[in-house]
Amino acid sequence: MKKPTKAKLRARAADRVAFAEGVRRDYLNWKLDPIRTDSGLGYLIHEAGTGIRPRPGHRVEVHYVGMLESREGIFEESFSNPRGVRFVVGAGEIIPGWDEAMGLLRWGDEATLFIPSAQAYGPQGRGKAIPPNSDLIFYVEIVSVG
């Protein structure tokens, strides 16, 4: 498989960031109504995948754009890199909102997650990028499940 060029990665990242920021804007303007779980996690599937649904113990790779609900701009994105973030579902390697969301999505899904602070970094936040008690929004693409 041919490795994507840096220019292609930057272009892909810019496209995904613009899309994610548009979803955030629509959500804050009450134009979207995500599905909600009992934990408060919300999600919208933009493009449905046809692959398997990750279960605890599955290793997944996910590309993402991370944003604070409370302000414009992103705090992190993975689309500038050839590989997304990899983690084992249910192993506590990632924030609880992501672990829960993986069980609701499928390989190939493109979705936006609306994660309440309690399912993210809570009162401690994460450095300067994510203040305490921040609700987060992630645009995600599930790249692989295994």
N, C-alpha and C. Protein backbone atom coordinates (compact mmCIF):
# COMPACT_ATOMS: atom_id res chain seq x y z
N MET A 1 0.84 -1.18 0.00
CA MET A 1 0.00 0.00 0.00
C MET A 1 0.88 1.24 0.00
N LYS A 2 0.57 2.18 -0.84
CA LYS A 2 1.36 3.39 -0.98
C LYS A 2 1.10 4.33 0.20
N LYS A 3 2.18 4.84 0.78
CA LYS A 3 2.09 5.75 1.92
C LYS A 3 1.62 7.13 1.42
N PRO A 4 0.60 7.72 2.09
CA PRO A 4 0.12 9.04 1.66
C PRO A 4 1.19 10.11 1.86
N THR A 5 1.22 11.07 0.95
CA THR A 5 2.18 12.16 1.07
C THR A 5 1.74 13.12 2.18
N LYS A 6 2.69 13.91 2.67
CA LYS A 6 2.36 14.89 3.72
C LYS A 6 1.30 15.88 3.24
N ALA A 7 1.38 16.26 1.97
CA ALA A 7 0.39 17.19 1.41
C ALA A 7 -1.01 16.57 1.43
N LYS A 8 -1.11 15.28 1.07
CA LYS A 8 -2.41 14.61 1.08
C LYS A 8 -2.93 14.47 2.50
N LEU A 9 -2.04 14.18 3.44
CA LEU A 9 -2.46 14.07 4.84
C LEU A 9 -2.96 15.41 5.36
N ARG A 10 -2.25 16.49 5.04
CA ARG A 10 -2.67 17.83 5.48
C ARG A 10 -4.03 18.20 4.87
N ALA A 11 -4.22 17.87 3.60
CA ALA A 11 -5.49 18.17 2.93
C ALA A 11 -6.63 17.37 3.56
N ARG A 12 -6.38 16.10 3.83
CA ARG A 12 -7.39 15.25 4.47
C ARG A 12 -7.72 15.79 5.86
N ALA A 13 -6.69 16.19 6.61
CA ALA A 13 -6.91 16.74 7.95
C ALA A 13 -7.74 18.01 7.88
N ALA A 14 -7.40 18.90 6.96
CA ALA A 14 -8.15 20.16 6.84
C ALA A 14 -9.61 19.90 6.50
N ASP A 15 -9.87 18.93 5.63
CA ASP A 15 -11.24 18.58 5.25
C ASP A 15 -12.02 18.04 6.45
N ARG A 16 -11.42 17.12 7.20
CA ARG A 16 -12.10 16.53 8.36
C ARG A 16 -12.31 17.55 9.48
N VAL A 17 -11.33 18.42 9.69
CA VAL A 17 -11.47 19.47 10.71
C VAL A 17 -12.62 20.40 10.35
N ALA A 18 -12.69 20.82 9.08
CA ALA A 18 -13.76 21.71 8.64
C ALA A 18 -15.13 21.05 8.83
N PHE A 19 -15.22 19.77 8.48
CA PHE A 19 -16.48 19.05 8.66
C PHE A 19 -16.85 18.99 10.14
N ALA A 20 -15.89 18.62 10.99
CA ALA A 20 -16.14 18.50 12.43
C ALA A 20 -16.57 19.82 13.03
N GLU A 21 -15.93 20.90 12.62
CA GLU A 21 -16.30 22.22 13.14
C GLU A 21 -17.71 22.61 12.69
N GLY A 22 -18.10 22.21 11.49
CA GLY A 22 -19.47 22.45 11.03
C GLY A 22 -20.49 21.69 11.85
N VAL A 23 -20.18 20.44 12.19
CA VAL A 23 -21.07 19.64 13.03
C VAL A 23 -21.20 20.30 14.41
N ARG A 24 -20.09 20.73 14.99
CA ARG A 24 -20.12 21.40 16.29
C ARG A 24 -21.03 22.63 16.24
N ARG A 25 -20.85 23.42 15.21
CA ARG A 25 -21.65 24.65 15.04
C ARG A 25 -23.14 24.32 14.93
N ASP A 26 -23.48 23.32 14.12
CA ASP A 26 -24.89 22.92 13.97
C ASP A 26 -25.46 22.41 15.29
N TYR A 27 -24.67 21.65 16.02
CA TYR A 27 -25.11 21.12 17.32
C TYR A 27 -25.41 22.26 18.29
N LEU A 28 -24.50 23.22 18.37
CA LEU A 28 -24.69 24.34 19.29
C LEU A 28 -25.85 25.25 18.88
N ASN A 29 -26.23 25.21 17.60
CA ASN A 29 -27.37 25.98 17.11
C ASN A 29 -28.66 25.15 17.07
N TRP A 30 -28.66 24.02 17.80
CA TRP A 30 -29.84 23.16 17.95
C TRP A 30 -30.32 22.58 16.63
N LYS A 31 -29.44 22.40 15.66
CA LYS A 31 -29.83 21.82 14.37
C LYS A 31 -29.64 20.31 14.34
N LEU A 32 -29.02 19.75 15.38
CA LEU A 32 -28.76 18.32 15.44
C LEU A 32 -29.31 17.77 16.75
N ASP A 33 -29.77 16.53 16.71
CA ASP A 33 -30.31 15.87 17.89
C ASP A 33 -29.66 14.49 18.01
N PRO A 34 -28.49 14.42 18.66
CA PRO A 34 -27.81 13.13 18.74
C PRO A 34 -28.59 12.12 19.58
N ILE A 35 -28.35 10.85 19.29
CA ILE A 35 -28.88 9.76 20.11
C ILE A 35 -28.13 9.83 21.44
N ARG A 36 -28.84 9.66 22.56
CA ARG A 36 -28.23 9.75 23.89
C ARG A 36 -28.32 8.41 24.61
N THR A 37 -27.26 8.07 25.34
CA THR A 37 -27.25 6.88 26.19
C THR A 37 -27.54 7.31 27.62
N ASP A 38 -27.72 6.34 28.51
CA ASP A 38 -27.99 6.64 29.91
C ASP A 38 -26.86 7.41 30.58
N SER A 39 -25.64 7.24 30.09
CA SER A 39 -24.48 7.94 30.68
C SER A 39 -24.40 9.40 30.25
N GLY A 40 -25.21 9.78 29.26
CA GLY A 40 -25.16 11.14 28.73
C GLY A 40 -24.38 11.25 27.43
N LEU A 41 -23.69 10.18 27.04
CA LEU A 41 -22.97 10.16 25.76
C LEU A 41 -23.97 10.36 24.63
N GLY A 42 -23.63 11.23 23.69
CA GLY A 42 -24.43 11.41 22.50
C GLY A 42 -23.63 11.01 21.27
N TYR A 43 -24.32 10.55 20.23
CA TYR A 43 -23.61 10.22 19.00
C TYR A 43 -24.52 10.38 17.79
N LEU A 44 -23.88 10.74 16.69
CA LEU A 44 -24.53 10.84 15.38
C LEU A 44 -23.67 10.07 14.39
N ILE A 45 -24.27 9.21 13.61
CA ILE A 45 -23.53 8.50 12.58
C ILE A 45 -23.76 9.22 11.26
N HIS A 46 -22.67 9.69 10.65
CA HIS A 46 -22.75 10.42 9.38
C HIS A 46 -22.69 9.46 8.19
N GLU A 47 -21.81 8.49 8.27
CA GLU A 47 -21.65 7.45 7.25
C GLU A 47 -21.59 6.12 7.97
N ALA A 48 -22.52 5.23 7.66
CA ALA A 48 -22.55 3.93 8.33
C ALA A 48 -21.56 2.97 7.70
N GLY A 49 -20.77 2.35 8.54
CA GLY A 49 -19.86 1.31 8.08
C GLY A 49 -20.59 -0.02 8.00
N THR A 50 -19.92 -1.01 7.45
CA THR A 50 -20.52 -2.33 7.30
C THR A 50 -19.75 -3.39 8.06
N GLY A 51 -18.72 -2.98 8.79
CA GLY A 51 -17.87 -3.93 9.50
C GLY A 51 -18.44 -4.34 10.84
N ILE A 52 -17.62 -5.08 11.57
CA ILE A 52 -18.06 -5.58 12.86
C ILE A 52 -18.10 -4.46 13.89
N ARG A 53 -18.87 -4.71 14.93
CA ARG A 53 -18.98 -3.78 16.05
C ARG A 53 -17.89 -4.15 17.06
N PRO A 54 -17.02 -3.21 17.45
CA PRO A 54 -15.99 -3.53 18.44
C PRO A 54 -16.60 -3.97 19.77
N ARG A 55 -15.95 -4.94 20.39
CA ARG A 55 -16.35 -5.42 21.71
C ARG A 55 -15.16 -5.31 22.64
N PRO A 56 -15.39 -5.40 23.95
CA PRO A 56 -14.26 -5.36 24.88
C PRO A 56 -13.20 -6.40 24.49
N GLY A 57 -11.96 -5.96 24.49
CA GLY A 57 -10.84 -6.82 24.09
C GLY A 57 -10.39 -6.62 22.66
N HIS A 58 -11.25 -6.05 21.82
CA HIS A 58 -10.85 -5.77 20.44
C HIS A 58 -9.90 -4.58 20.40
N ARG A 59 -8.88 -4.69 19.56
CA ARG A 59 -7.99 -3.56 19.30
C ARG A 59 -8.57 -2.79 18.13
N VAL A 60 -8.75 -1.48 18.32
CA VAL A 60 -9.30 -0.64 17.27
C VAL A 60 -8.31 0.46 16.90
N GLU A 61 -8.45 0.95 15.69
CA GLU A 61 -7.72 2.13 15.25
C GLU A 61 -8.76 3.15 14.82
N VAL A 62 -8.63 4.37 15.35
CA VAL A 62 -9.61 5.42 15.12
C VAL A 62 -8.90 6.71 14.74
N HIS A 63 -9.34 7.33 13.66
CA HIS A 63 -8.91 8.70 13.34
C HIS A 63 -9.94 9.63 13.96
N TYR A 64 -9.50 10.81 14.39
CA TYR A 64 -10.42 11.70 15.10
C TYR A 64 -10.02 13.16 15.01
N VAL A 65 -11.00 14.01 15.29
CA VAL A 65 -10.81 15.44 15.52
C VAL A 65 -11.46 15.71 16.87
N GLY A 66 -10.70 16.29 17.81
CA GLY A 66 -11.22 16.58 19.14
C GLY A 66 -11.44 18.06 19.35
N MET A 67 -12.62 18.41 19.90
CA MET A 67 -12.98 19.81 20.13
C MET A 67 -13.63 19.95 21.50
N LEU A 68 -13.49 21.12 22.08
CA LEU A 68 -14.25 21.46 23.27
C LEU A 68 -15.62 21.94 22.82
N GLU A 69 -16.66 21.55 23.55
CA GLU A 69 -17.99 22.07 23.22
C GLU A 69 -18.05 23.57 23.47
N SER A 70 -17.29 24.04 24.45
CA SER A 70 -17.40 25.42 24.93
C SER A 70 -16.66 26.48 24.12
N ARG A 71 -15.81 26.06 23.18
CA ARG A 71 -15.12 27.08 22.38
C ARG A 71 -14.72 26.54 21.02
N GLU A 72 -14.53 27.47 20.09
CA GLU A 72 -14.17 27.10 18.72
C GLU A 72 -12.75 26.57 18.65
N GLY A 73 -12.47 25.88 17.57
CA GLY A 73 -11.14 25.33 17.34
C GLY A 73 -11.03 23.91 17.86
N ILE A 74 -9.95 23.27 17.47
CA ILE A 74 -9.72 21.89 17.88
C ILE A 74 -8.60 21.85 18.91
N PHE A 75 -8.58 20.80 19.72
CA PHE A 75 -7.45 20.62 20.62
C PHE A 75 -6.53 19.52 20.13
N GLU A 76 -7.01 18.69 19.20
CA GLU A 76 -6.18 17.60 18.71
C GLU A 76 -6.85 16.95 17.50
N GLU A 77 -6.04 16.41 16.60
CA GLU A 77 -6.57 15.62 15.47
C GLU A 77 -5.52 14.62 15.05
N SER A 78 -5.96 13.52 14.47
CA SER A 78 -5.03 12.47 14.05
C SER A 78 -4.92 12.33 12.54
N PHE A 79 -5.74 13.03 11.78
CA PHE A 79 -5.77 12.85 10.33
C PHE A 79 -4.49 13.32 9.64
N SER A 80 -3.67 14.12 10.31
CA SER A 80 -2.38 14.56 9.75
C SER A 80 -1.36 13.43 9.76
N ASN A 81 -1.67 12.35 10.44
CA ASN A 81 -0.76 11.20 10.55
C ASN A 81 -1.31 10.03 9.73
N PRO A 82 -0.43 9.18 9.24
CA PRO A 82 -0.91 8.03 8.47
C PRO A 82 -1.79 7.09 9.31
N ARG A 83 -1.50 7.00 10.61
CA ARG A 83 -2.25 6.10 11.48
C ARG A 83 -3.02 6.87 12.53
N GLY A 84 -4.17 6.33 12.90
CA GLY A 84 -4.96 6.92 13.96
C GLY A 84 -4.49 6.42 15.32
N VAL A 85 -5.26 6.73 16.33
CA VAL A 85 -4.97 6.25 17.68
C VAL A 85 -5.42 4.79 17.76
N ARG A 86 -4.63 3.99 18.46
CA ARG A 86 -4.96 2.57 18.63
C ARG A 86 -5.13 2.28 20.12
N PHE A 87 -6.13 1.49 20.42
CA PHE A 87 -6.36 1.12 21.82
C PHE A 87 -7.21 -0.14 21.87
N VAL A 88 -7.22 -0.78 23.05
CA VAL A 88 -8.03 -1.96 23.28
C VAL A 88 -9.32 -1.50 23.96
N VAL A 89 -10.44 -1.84 23.36
CA VAL A 89 -11.75 -1.45 23.90
C VAL A 89 -11.95 -2.09 25.27
N GLY A 90 -12.39 -1.28 26.22
CA GLY A 90 -12.71 -1.78 27.56
C GLY A 90 -11.53 -1.98 28.48
N ALA A 91 -10.32 -1.61 28.04
CA ALA A 91 -9.11 -1.82 28.85
C ALA A 91 -8.72 -0.58 29.64
N GLY A 92 -9.51 0.48 29.56
CA GLY A 92 -9.20 1.71 30.29
C GLY A 92 -8.05 2.49 29.70
N GLU A 93 -7.75 2.26 28.43
CA GLU A 93 -6.65 2.96 27.76
C GLU A 93 -7.07 4.32 27.22
N ILE A 94 -8.35 4.60 27.26
CA ILE A 94 -8.92 5.79 26.63
C ILE A 94 -10.03 6.31 27.55
N ILE A 95 -10.54 7.49 27.28
CA ILE A 95 -11.59 8.02 28.15
C ILE A 95 -12.85 7.13 28.09
N PRO A 96 -13.61 7.08 29.18
CA PRO A 96 -14.78 6.19 29.23
C PRO A 96 -15.79 6.43 28.11
N GLY A 97 -15.97 7.68 27.70
CA GLY A 97 -16.91 7.97 26.61
C GLY A 97 -16.54 7.28 25.31
N TRP A 98 -15.24 7.19 25.03
CA TRP A 98 -14.80 6.48 23.82
C TRP A 98 -15.04 4.99 23.97
N ASP A 99 -14.71 4.42 25.12
CA ASP A 99 -14.95 2.99 25.33
C ASP A 99 -16.42 2.66 25.10
N GLU A 100 -17.31 3.46 25.68
CA GLU A 100 -18.74 3.23 25.50
C GLU A 100 -19.14 3.38 24.03
N ALA A 101 -18.66 4.42 23.39
CA ALA A 101 -19.03 4.69 22.00
C ALA A 101 -18.60 3.57 21.06
N MET A 102 -17.46 2.96 21.31
CA MET A 102 -16.99 1.91 20.41
C MET A 102 -17.98 0.76 20.33
N GLY A 103 -18.68 0.47 21.42
CA GLY A 103 -19.69 -0.59 21.40
C GLY A 103 -20.96 -0.22 20.65
N LEU A 104 -21.09 1.04 20.28
CA LEU A 104 -22.27 1.52 19.55
C LEU A 104 -22.00 1.71 18.06
N LEU A 105 -20.73 1.68 17.69
CA LEU A 105 -20.33 1.95 16.31
C LEU A 105 -19.82 0.69 15.64
N ARG A 106 -19.57 0.79 14.34
CA ARG A 106 -19.04 -0.33 13.54
C ARG A 106 -17.78 0.11 12.80
N TRP A 107 -17.00 -0.88 12.41
CA TRP A 107 -15.84 -0.65 11.57
C TRP A 107 -16.34 0.07 10.31
N GLY A 108 -15.72 1.18 9.99
CA GLY A 108 -16.11 1.96 8.81
C GLY A 108 -17.03 3.13 9.12
N ASP A 109 -17.59 3.17 10.32
CA ASP A 109 -18.47 4.29 10.67
C ASP A 109 -17.70 5.60 10.71
N GLU A 110 -18.38 6.66 10.30
CA GLU A 110 -17.92 8.03 10.48
C GLU A 110 -18.99 8.69 11.34
N ALA A 111 -18.60 9.14 12.52
CA ALA A 111 -19.59 9.60 13.50
C ALA A 111 -19.04 10.77 14.30
N THR A 112 -19.94 11.45 15.00
CA THR A 112 -19.55 12.47 15.96
C THR A 112 -20.04 12.04 17.33
N LEU A 113 -19.14 12.14 18.31
CA LEU A 113 -19.44 11.80 19.69
C LEU A 113 -19.55 13.08 20.51
N PHE A 114 -20.55 13.15 21.36
CA PHE A 114 -20.76 14.28 22.26
C PHE A 114 -20.59 13.73 23.66
N ILE A 115 -19.43 14.00 24.26
CA ILE A 115 -19.05 13.33 25.50
C ILE A 115 -19.11 14.29 26.69
N PRO A 116 -19.98 13.98 27.68
CA PRO A 116 -20.03 14.84 28.86
C PRO A 116 -18.74 14.72 29.67
N SER A 117 -18.44 15.74 30.41
CA SER A 117 -17.22 15.80 31.20
C SER A 117 -17.01 14.54 32.05
N ALA A 118 -18.07 14.03 32.65
CA ALA A 118 -17.95 12.85 33.52
C ALA A 118 -17.48 11.62 32.76
N GLN A 119 -17.68 11.59 31.45
CA GLN A 119 -17.24 10.47 30.61
C GLN A 119 -15.94 10.80 29.88
N ALA A 120 -15.35 11.96 30.22
CA ALA A 120 -14.11 12.40 29.57
C ALA A 120 -13.02 12.57 30.64
N TYR A 121 -12.57 13.79 30.87
CA TYR A 121 -11.47 14.04 31.81
C TYR A 121 -11.94 14.62 33.13
N GLY A 122 -13.25 14.87 33.28
CA GLY A 122 -13.84 15.28 34.54
C GLY A 122 -13.23 16.52 35.16
N PRO A 123 -13.21 16.59 36.50
CA PRO A 123 -12.75 17.80 37.19
C PRO A 123 -11.25 18.05 37.06
N GLN A 124 -10.48 17.04 36.66
CA GLN A 124 -9.03 17.26 36.52
C GLN A 124 -8.64 17.84 35.17
N GLY A 125 -9.50 17.70 34.14
CA GLY A 125 -9.14 18.18 32.82
C GLY A 125 -7.93 17.43 32.28
N ARG A 126 -7.30 17.99 31.24
CA ARG A 126 -6.07 17.40 30.69
C ARG A 126 -5.17 18.53 30.22
N GLY A 127 -4.31 18.96 31.09
CA GLY A 127 -3.37 20.02 30.76
C GLY A 127 -4.08 21.31 30.39
N LYS A 128 -3.41 22.12 29.58
CA LYS A 128 -3.98 23.40 29.16
C LYS A 128 -5.02 23.22 28.05
N ALA A 129 -4.93 22.12 27.32
CA ALA A 129 -5.83 21.92 26.17
C ALA A 129 -7.28 21.67 26.58
N ILE A 130 -7.48 20.96 27.69
CA ILE A 130 -8.83 20.60 28.11
C ILE A 130 -9.03 21.03 29.56
N PRO A 131 -9.73 22.14 29.77
CA PRO A 131 -9.98 22.63 31.13
C PRO A 131 -10.84 21.64 31.94
N PRO A 132 -10.80 21.74 33.27
CA PRO A 132 -11.66 20.90 34.10
C PRO A 132 -13.13 21.02 33.70
N ASN A 133 -13.84 19.89 33.84
CA ASN A 133 -15.29 19.82 33.60
C ASN A 133 -15.71 20.21 32.19
N SER A 134 -14.88 19.90 31.21
CA SER A 134 -15.20 20.23 29.81
C SER A 134 -15.95 19.10 29.12
N ASP A 135 -17.06 19.47 28.47
CA ASP A 135 -17.74 18.54 27.58
C ASP A 135 -16.99 18.56 26.25
N LEU A 136 -16.83 17.38 25.65
CA LEU A 136 -16.01 17.25 24.44
C LEU A 136 -16.84 16.77 23.26
N ILE A 137 -16.38 17.12 22.07
CA ILE A 137 -16.98 16.65 20.82
C ILE A 137 -15.85 16.04 19.99
N PHE A 138 -16.07 14.82 19.51
CA PHE A 138 -15.09 14.15 18.66
C PHE A 138 -15.76 13.69 17.37
N TYR A 139 -15.17 14.05 16.24
CA TYR A 139 -15.52 13.43 14.97
C TYR A 139 -14.59 12.23 14.87
N VAL A 140 -15.14 11.03 14.61
CA VAL A 140 -14.32 9.82 14.57
C VAL A 140 -14.60 9.01 13.30
N GLU A 141 -13.57 8.31 12.85
CA GLU A 141 -13.69 7.32 11.79
C GLU A 141 -13.02 6.05 12.29
N ILE A 142 -13.76 4.96 12.34
CA ILE A 142 -13.20 3.69 12.80
C ILE A 142 -12.50 3.04 11.61
N VAL A 143 -11.18 2.98 11.70
CA VAL A 143 -10.34 2.51 10.60
C VAL A 143 -10.17 1.00 10.61
N SER A 144 -10.03 0.41 11.81
CA SER A 144 -9.88 -1.05 11.88
C SER A 144 -10.36 -1.57 13.22
N VAL A 145 -10.77 -2.83 13.21
CA VAL A 145 -11.19 -3.55 14.41
C VAL A 145 -10.58 -4.93 14.32
N GLY A 146 -9.93 -5.37 15.37
CA GLY A 146 -9.33 -6.71 15.31
C GLY A 146 -9.09 -7.30 16.66
